Amino acid sequence: MFDLNLADRMSQILKEKGVSFEEKKMMGGLCFMVNNKMCCGIVKEKLMARVGPEFYEDALKKPHCSEMNFTGRPLKGFVYVEPEGIDQKKELSYWIEKCLEFNPKAKLSKKR
């Protein structure tokens, strides 16, 4: 299960930014799809942020941020942000903005 309050907060921020998005349940969490690409999401109570390879190393230096290690090896370009790092709207907006900045450069995954 994932944090429903965080999902509401993220949805609200995306709407305020005028972003067209779709919510999809996957990997036991919730994913926000922008332009049919994974943009950001929630795994349990953590924000999953797709920040891209260019910002990845800088992101890992931010407080409450860690590599996304879902399968035993880190997914380059994806990070987790702990609840303490996104409890303020300003902090959550920052991370969502970083995800939106990378989204146009992200590759579409192949349809199965």
C-alpha atoms as a PDB file:
ATOM      1  CA  MET A   1       0.000   0.000   0.000  1.00  0.00           C
ATOM      2  CA  PHE A   2       1.119   3.569  -0.604  1.00  0.00           C
ATOM      3  CA  ASP A   3       0.597   6.877   1.219  1.00  0.00           C
ATOM      4  CA  LEU A   4      -2.781   8.205   0.028  1.00  0.00           C
ATOM      5  CA  ASN A   5      -2.164  11.634   1.564  1.00  0.00           C
ATOM      6  CA  LEU A   6       1.073  11.970  -0.405  1.00  0.00           C
ATOM      7  CA  ALA A   7      -0.788  10.890  -3.555  1.00  0.00           C
ATOM      8  CA  ASP A   8      -3.348  13.674  -3.002  1.00  0.00           C
ATOM      9  CA  ARG A   9      -0.616  16.247  -2.403  1.00  0.00           C
ATOM     10  CA  MET A  10       1.274  15.224  -5.538  1.00  0.00           C
ATOM     11  CA  SER A  11      -1.874  15.239  -7.634  1.00  0.00           C
ATOM     12  CA  GLN A  12      -2.730  18.735  -6.368  1.00  0.00           C
ATOM     13  CA  ILE A  13       0.730  20.100  -7.226  1.00  0.00           C
ATOM     14  CA  LEU A  14       0.609  18.625 -10.745  1.00  0.00           C
ATOM     15  CA  LYS A  15      -2.846  20.154 -11.266  1.00  0.00           C
ATOM     16  CA  GLU A  16      -1.641  23.545  -9.993  1.00  0.00           C
ATOM     17  CA  LYS A  17       1.229  23.384 -12.495  1.00  0.00           C
ATOM     18  CA  GLY A  18      -1.285  22.668 -15.288  1.00  0.00           C
ATOM     19  CA  VAL A  19       0.266  19.274 -16.022  1.00  0.00           C
ATOM     20  CA  SER A  20      -1.787  16.630 -17.776  1.00  0.00           C
ATOM     21  CA  PHE A  21      -1.107  13.317 -16.025  1.00  0.00           C
ATOM     22  CA  GLU A  22      -2.452   9.850 -15.425  1.00  0.00           C
ATOM     23  CA  GLU A  23      -2.211   7.847 -12.208  1.00  0.00           C
ATOM     24  CA  LYS A  24      -1.274   4.170 -12.521  1.00  0.00           C
ATOM     25  CA  LYS A  25      -0.908   1.601  -9.793  1.00  0.00           C
ATOM     26  CA  MET A  26       2.319  -0.351 -10.303  1.00  0.00           C
ATOM     27  CA  MET A  27       5.128  -1.984  -8.338  1.00  0.00           C
ATOM     28  CA  GLY A  28       2.910  -1.963  -5.241  1.00  0.00           C
ATOM     29  CA  GLY A  29       2.767   1.817  -5.379  1.00  0.00           C
ATOM     30  CA  LEU A  30       1.389   4.634  -7.477  1.00  0.00           C
ATOM     31  CA  CYS A  31       2.981   6.135 -10.549  1.00  0.00           C
ATOM     32  CA  PHE A  32       2.224   9.509 -12.107  1.00  0.00           C
ATOM     33  CA  MET A  33       2.539   9.278 -15.887  1.00  0.00           C
ATOM     34  CA  VAL A  34       3.216  12.481 -17.868  1.00  0.00           C
ATOM     35  CA  ASN A  35       3.296  12.249 -21.679  1.00  0.00           C
ATOM     36  CA  ASN A  36       2.832   8.470 -21.302  1.00  0.00           C
ATOM     37  CA  LYS A  37       6.141   8.271 -19.403  1.00  0.00           C
ATOM     38  CA  MET A  38       6.823   7.496 -15.753  1.00  0.00           C
ATOM     39  CA  CYS A  39       7.446  10.877 -14.136  1.00  0.00           C
ATOM     40  CA  CYS A  40       7.263  10.343 -10.375  1.00  0.00           C
ATOM     41  CA  GLY A  41       5.487   8.129  -7.920  1.00  0.00           C
ATOM     42  CA  ILE A  42       5.059   6.699  -4.467  1.00  0.00           C
ATOM     43  CA  VAL A  43       6.474   3.505  -3.008  1.00  0.00           C
ATOM     44  CA  LYS A  44       5.021   2.996   0.481  1.00  0.00           C
ATOM     45  CA  GLU A  45       5.599   6.428   2.064  1.00  0.00           C
ATOM     46  CA  LYS A  46       8.536   7.507  -0.106  1.00  0.00           C
ATOM     47  CA  LEU A  47       8.523   9.736  -3.147  1.00  0.00           C
ATOM     48  CA  MET A  48      10.015   8.006  -6.169  1.00  0.00           C
ATOM     49  CA  ALA A  49      11.502  10.729  -8.356  1.00  0.00           C
ATOM     50  CA  ARG A  50      12.683  10.184 -11.925  1.00  0.00           C
ATOM     51  CA  VAL A  51      15.233  12.981 -12.108  1.00  0.00           C
ATOM     52  CA  GLY A  52      17.359  11.659 -14.966  1.00  0.00           C
ATOM     53  CA  PRO A  53      21.060  10.870 -15.195  1.00  0.00           C
ATOM     54  CA  GLU A  54      22.223  14.517 -15.393  1.00  0.00           C
ATOM     55  CA  PHE A  55      20.778  15.463 -11.977  1.00  0.00           C
ATOM     56  CA  TYR A  56      21.149  12.029 -10.350  1.00  0.00           C
ATOM     57  CA  GLU A  57      24.448  12.607  -8.500  1.00  0.00           C
ATOM     58  CA  ASP A  58      23.367  16.066  -7.274  1.00  0.00           C
ATOM     59  CA  ALA A  59      20.039  14.639  -6.123  1.00  0.00           C
ATOM     60  CA  LEU A  60      21.783  12.024  -3.997  1.00  0.00           C
ATOM     61  CA  LYS A  61      23.558  14.831  -2.100  1.00  0.00           C
ATOM     62  CA  LYS A  62      20.214  16.324  -1.009  1.00  0.00           C
ATOM     63  CA  PRO A  63      18.919  15.564   2.500  1.00  0.00           C
ATOM     64  CA  HIS A  64      16.610  12.548   2.866  1.00  0.00           C
ATOM     65  CA  CYS A  65      17.430  11.337  -0.647  1.00  0.00           C
ATOM     66  CA  SER A  66      18.760   7.885  -1.572  1.00  0.00           C
ATOM     67  CA  GLU A  67      19.257   5.745  -4.639  1.00  0.00           C
ATOM     68  CA  MET A  68      16.243   3.803  -5.830  1.00  0.00           C
ATOM     69  CA  ASN A  69      17.276   0.219  -5.315  1.00  0.00           C
ATOM     70  CA  PHE A  70      14.206  -1.810  -6.205  1.00  0.00           C
ATOM     71  CA  THR A  71      15.774  -4.963  -7.647  1.00  0.00           C
ATOM     72  CA  GLY A  72      19.102  -5.263  -5.851  1.00  0.00           C
ATOM     73  CA  ARG A  73      20.875  -2.714  -8.002  1.00  0.00           C
ATOM     74  CA  PRO A  74      20.284   1.025  -8.174  1.00  0.00           C
ATOM     75  CA  LEU A  75      18.211   2.468 -10.990  1.00  0.00           C
ATOM     76  CA  LYS A  76      20.312   5.339 -12.338  1.00  0.00           C
ATOM     77  CA  GLY A  77      18.234   8.489 -12.732  1.00  0.00           C
ATOM     78  CA  PHE A  78      15.664   7.457 -10.103  1.00  0.00           C
ATOM     79  CA  VAL A  79      15.831   8.393  -6.413  1.00  0.00           C
ATOM     80  CA  TYR A  80      13.758   7.913  -3.290  1.00  0.00           C
ATOM     81  CA  VAL A  81      12.966  10.871  -1.055  1.00  0.00           C
ATOM     82  CA  GLU A  82      11.994  10.063   2.531  1.00  0.00           C
ATOM     83  CA  PRO A  83       8.850  11.662   4.031  1.00  0.00           C
ATOM     84  CA  GLU A  84      11.003  14.073   6.092  1.00  0.00           C
ATOM     85  CA  GLY A  85      12.319  15.537   2.837  1.00  0.00           C
ATOM     86  CA  ILE A  86       8.883  16.260   1.365  1.00  0.00           C
ATOM     87  CA  ASP A  87       6.713  17.183   4.343  1.00  0.00           C
ATOM     88  CA  GLN A  88       6.494  20.809   3.191  1.00  0.00           C
ATOM     89  CA  LYS A  89       4.696  21.697  -0.042  1.00  0.00           C
ATOM     90  CA  LYS A  90       7.745  23.686  -1.204  1.00  0.00           C
ATOM     91  CA  GLU A  91       9.985  20.596  -0.851  1.00  0.00           C
ATOM     92  CA  LEU A  92       7.556  18.287  -2.638  1.00  0.00           C
ATOM     93  CA  SER A  93       7.087  20.862  -5.417  1.00  0.00           C
ATOM     94  CA  TYR A  94      10.876  21.057  -5.845  1.00  0.00           C
ATOM     95  CA  TRP A  95      11.160  17.328  -6.490  1.00  0.00           C
ATOM     96  CA  ILE A  96       8.131  17.207  -8.776  1.00  0.00           C
ATOM     97  CA  GLU A  97       9.622  20.097 -10.777  1.00  0.00           C
ATOM     98  CA  LYS A  98      12.890  18.150 -11.164  1.00  0.00           C
ATOM     99  CA  CYS A  99      10.886  15.179 -12.479  1.00  0.00           C
ATOM    100  CA  LEU A 100       8.960  17.396 -14.898  1.00  0.00           C
ATOM    101  CA  GLU A 101      12.237  18.929 -16.155  1.00  0.00           C
ATOM    102  CA  PHE A 102      13.530  15.478 -17.064  1.00  0.00           C
ATOM    103  CA  ASN A 103      10.258  14.125 -18.474  1.00  0.00           C
ATOM    104  CA  PRO A 104      10.644  15.521 -22.039  1.00  0.00           C
ATOM    105  CA  LYS A 105      14.074  13.807 -22.260  1.00  0.00           C
ATOM    106  CA  ALA A 106      12.847  10.466 -20.887  1.00  0.00           C
ATOM    107  CA  LYS A 107      12.352   7.653 -23.352  1.00  0.00           C
ATOM    108  CA  LEU A 108       8.935   6.113 -23.865  1.00  0.00           C
ATOM    109  CA  SER A 109       8.872   2.494 -22.775  1.00  0.00           C
ATOM    110  CA  LYS A 110       7.864  -0.016 -25.407  1.00  0.00           C
ATOM    111  CA  LYS A 111       4.234  -1.145 -25.334  1.00  0.00           C
ATOM    112  CA  ARG A 112       3.857  -4.819 -24.552  1.00  0.00           C
END
